[in-house]
Amino acid sequence: MKLYELLKKEFVIADLKGAKKEDVISEMIDLFKQDPRVNDIDKVHECVLEREKIMSTGVGKGFAIPHGKTNSVNDILAAFGKTKREIEYGSLDGNPVHLVFLLVGKDNLVSTHIKLLSRISRMMNKDEFRNQLLEAGTSEEIIELFKKEEEHYFEV
């Protein structure tokens, strides 16, 4: 499994509307309202926001990985969003966020969930890759950047 395979055009937002952390998280989760893989969208919201209360998923360098696990989904959900606006996120480095990768997994797929989180972190640690994402103008360009970057990684 590759991240770019999880990122469909309809789950990528090239210009997030939200101005606050909770708004951005909700905006991204709401992409899955009509998705047949979701049994209860409210529980998806709850699991991601509960995880956020434990410790900010703003990992630094302008990037956040809101995530959670719940049996309210039948499969792994992934969404990506970016914004030129500075979002105060309570990040570990104290800097605002511009790039957000949402990952929601099923409770019994912990190993895959952790491997995907690790891959996202490794990819987003690359300055050049983050800059390319910030410059991308469309959902298709963003997905293509993930595909190109992920050519260097093994299947999860």
Protein backbone atom coordinates (compact mmCIF):
# COMPACT_ATOMS: atom_id res chain seq x y z
CA MET A 1 0.00 0.00 0.00
CA LYS A 2 1.25 3.43 -0.95
CA LEU A 3 0.04 6.79 0.36
CA TYR A 4 -0.65 8.16 -3.10
CA GLU A 5 -3.02 5.22 -3.70
CA LEU A 6 -5.05 6.35 -0.68
CA LEU A 7 -5.15 9.98 -1.85
CA LYS A 8 -7.94 10.39 -4.37
CA LYS A 9 -8.60 13.74 -6.02
CA GLU A 10 -11.74 14.25 -3.91
CA PHE A 11 -9.69 13.82 -0.70
CA VAL A 12 -7.09 16.46 -1.50
CA ILE A 13 -7.74 20.14 -0.80
CA ALA A 14 -5.34 22.49 -2.58
CA ASP A 15 -6.58 25.49 -0.58
CA LEU A 16 -8.01 24.76 2.88
CA LYS A 17 -10.73 27.20 3.97
CA GLY A 18 -10.38 26.73 7.75
CA ALA A 19 -8.47 29.27 9.82
CA LYS A 20 -8.18 27.25 13.05
CA LYS A 21 -6.89 23.76 13.79
CA GLU A 22 -10.32 22.31 14.62
CA ASP A 23 -11.85 23.89 11.49
CA VAL A 24 -9.18 22.39 9.25
CA ILE A 25 -9.52 18.94 10.83
CA SER A 26 -13.32 19.07 10.41
CA GLU A 27 -13.01 20.30 6.83
CA MET A 28 -10.83 17.31 5.99
CA ILE A 29 -12.94 14.71 7.84
CA ASP A 30 -16.08 16.07 6.16
CA LEU A 31 -14.63 14.96 2.81
CA PHE A 32 -15.65 11.45 3.89
CA LYS A 33 -19.30 12.22 4.80
CA GLN A 34 -20.68 10.22 1.85
CA ASP A 35 -17.86 7.67 1.73
CA PRO A 36 -19.15 4.07 1.99
CA ARG A 37 -16.08 3.14 4.06
CA VAL A 38 -17.40 5.32 6.92
CA ASN A 39 -20.09 3.94 9.23
CA ASP A 40 -20.28 6.93 11.59
CA ILE A 41 -18.68 10.26 10.60
CA ASP A 42 -19.23 11.69 14.10
CA LYS A 43 -17.14 8.91 15.62
CA VAL A 44 -14.38 9.65 13.09
CA HIS A 45 -14.42 13.30 14.21
CA GLU A 46 -14.36 12.19 17.83
CA CYS A 47 -11.41 9.80 17.47
CA VAL A 48 -9.24 12.36 15.66
CA LEU A 49 -10.05 15.20 18.07
CA GLU A 50 -9.51 12.92 21.10
CA ARG A 51 -6.08 11.98 19.75
CA GLU A 52 -5.32 15.67 19.26
CA LYS A 53 -6.10 16.34 22.95
CA ILE A 54 -3.41 13.87 24.03
CA MET A 55 -0.67 15.73 22.16
CA SER A 56 -0.63 18.05 19.17
CA THR A 57 -0.13 16.31 15.85
CA GLY A 58 1.60 19.43 14.58
CA VAL A 59 4.98 17.77 14.20
CA GLY A 60 6.91 20.85 13.07
CA LYS A 61 8.25 22.45 9.89
CA GLY A 62 4.75 23.69 9.02
CA PHE A 63 3.23 20.22 8.93
CA ALA A 64 0.58 18.29 10.91
CA ILE A 65 -0.65 14.71 10.84
CA PRO A 66 -4.04 14.57 12.57
CA HIS A 67 -4.92 10.92 12.95
CA GLY A 68 -6.93 8.38 14.88
CA LYS A 69 -8.19 4.82 14.94
CA THR A 70 -11.83 3.76 15.10
CA ASN A 71 -14.05 0.84 14.16
CA SER A 72 -16.38 3.39 12.56
CA VAL A 73 -14.44 2.94 9.33
CA ASN A 74 -14.06 -0.17 7.18
CA ASP A 75 -10.73 0.81 5.67
CA ILE A 76 -7.91 3.33 6.00
CA LEU A 77 -8.90 6.90 5.11
CA ALA A 78 -6.39 9.52 4.00
CA ALA A 79 -6.77 13.16 3.03
CA PHE A 80 -4.32 15.96 2.40
CA GLY A 81 -4.79 19.70 2.55
CA LYS A 82 -2.67 22.80 2.28
CA THR A 83 -3.08 26.51 2.83
CA LYS A 84 -1.05 29.66 2.45
CA ARG A 85 -2.71 30.94 5.63
CA GLU A 86 -0.82 30.32 8.88
CA ILE A 87 -2.76 27.96 11.12
CA GLU A 88 -1.87 28.06 14.79
CA TYR A 89 -1.70 24.38 15.64
CA GLY A 90 0.19 24.08 18.90
CA SER A 91 2.99 22.43 16.94
CA LEU A 92 5.98 20.89 18.70
CA ASP A 93 8.28 23.55 17.21
CA GLY A 94 5.83 26.38 17.90
CA ASN A 95 5.49 27.26 14.21
CA PRO A 96 2.20 27.53 12.31
CA VAL A 97 0.99 24.79 9.97
CA HIS A 98 0.47 25.00 6.19
CA LEU A 99 0.34 21.28 5.27
CA VAL A 100 -2.02 18.73 6.83
CA PHE A 101 -2.20 14.98 6.22
CA LEU A 102 -5.21 13.26 7.81
CA LEU A 103 -5.03 9.52 8.46
CA VAL A 104 -7.84 7.47 10.00
CA GLY A 105 -7.35 3.77 10.54
CA LYS A 106 -9.35 0.84 11.80
CA ASP A 107 -8.67 -0.31 15.36
CA ASN A 108 -7.38 -3.72 14.25
CA LEU A 109 -4.98 -2.30 11.62
CA VAL A 110 -2.55 -0.76 14.11
CA SER A 111 0.61 -2.00 12.39
CA THR A 112 -0.37 -0.58 8.99
CA HIS A 113 -1.49 2.67 10.64
CA ILE A 114 1.87 3.11 12.38
CA LYS A 115 3.82 2.29 9.21
CA LEU A 116 1.83 4.85 7.22
CA LEU A 117 2.34 7.52 9.90
CA SER A 118 6.05 6.79 9.82
CA ARG A 119 6.15 7.09 6.03
CA ILE A 120 4.27 10.40 6.11
CA SER A 121 6.73 11.73 8.70
CA ARG A 122 9.77 10.66 6.68
CA MET A 123 8.44 12.17 3.47
CA MET A 124 7.39 15.41 5.11
CA ASN A 125 10.78 15.80 6.77
CA LYS A 126 12.22 16.55 3.33
CA ASP A 127 12.34 20.32 2.80
CA GLU A 128 12.26 20.04 -0.99
CA PHE A 129 9.15 17.81 -0.92
CA ARG A 130 7.30 20.16 1.45
CA ASN A 131 8.19 23.15 -0.73
CA GLN A 132 6.94 21.36 -3.84
CA LEU A 133 3.64 20.61 -2.09
CA LEU A 134 3.29 24.25 -1.06
CA GLU A 135 3.83 25.34 -4.67
CA ALA A 136 1.40 22.80 -6.18
CA GLY A 137 -1.78 24.39 -7.48
CA THR A 138 -4.15 21.46 -7.94
CA SER A 139 -5.16 18.21 -6.28
CA GLU A 140 -3.77 16.29 -9.24
CA GLU A 141 -0.36 17.96 -8.89
CA ILE A 142 -0.29 17.11 -5.18
CA ILE A 143 -1.11 13.45 -5.80
CA GLU A 144 1.55 13.29 -8.53
CA LEU A 145 4.14 14.73 -6.11
CA PHE A 146 3.29 12.03 -3.55
CA LYS A 147 3.51 9.36 -6.25
CA LYS A 148 6.89 10.59 -7.45
CA GLU A 149 8.30 10.90 -3.93
CA GLU A 150 7.00 7.49 -2.92
CA GLU A 151 8.78 5.70 -5.75
CA HIS A 152 11.74 5.48 -3.34
CA TYR A 153 9.77 3.60 -0.66
CA PHE A 154 8.73 -0.04 -0.22
CA GLU A 155 5.10 -1.15 0.05
CA VAL A 156 3.54 -0.80 3.52
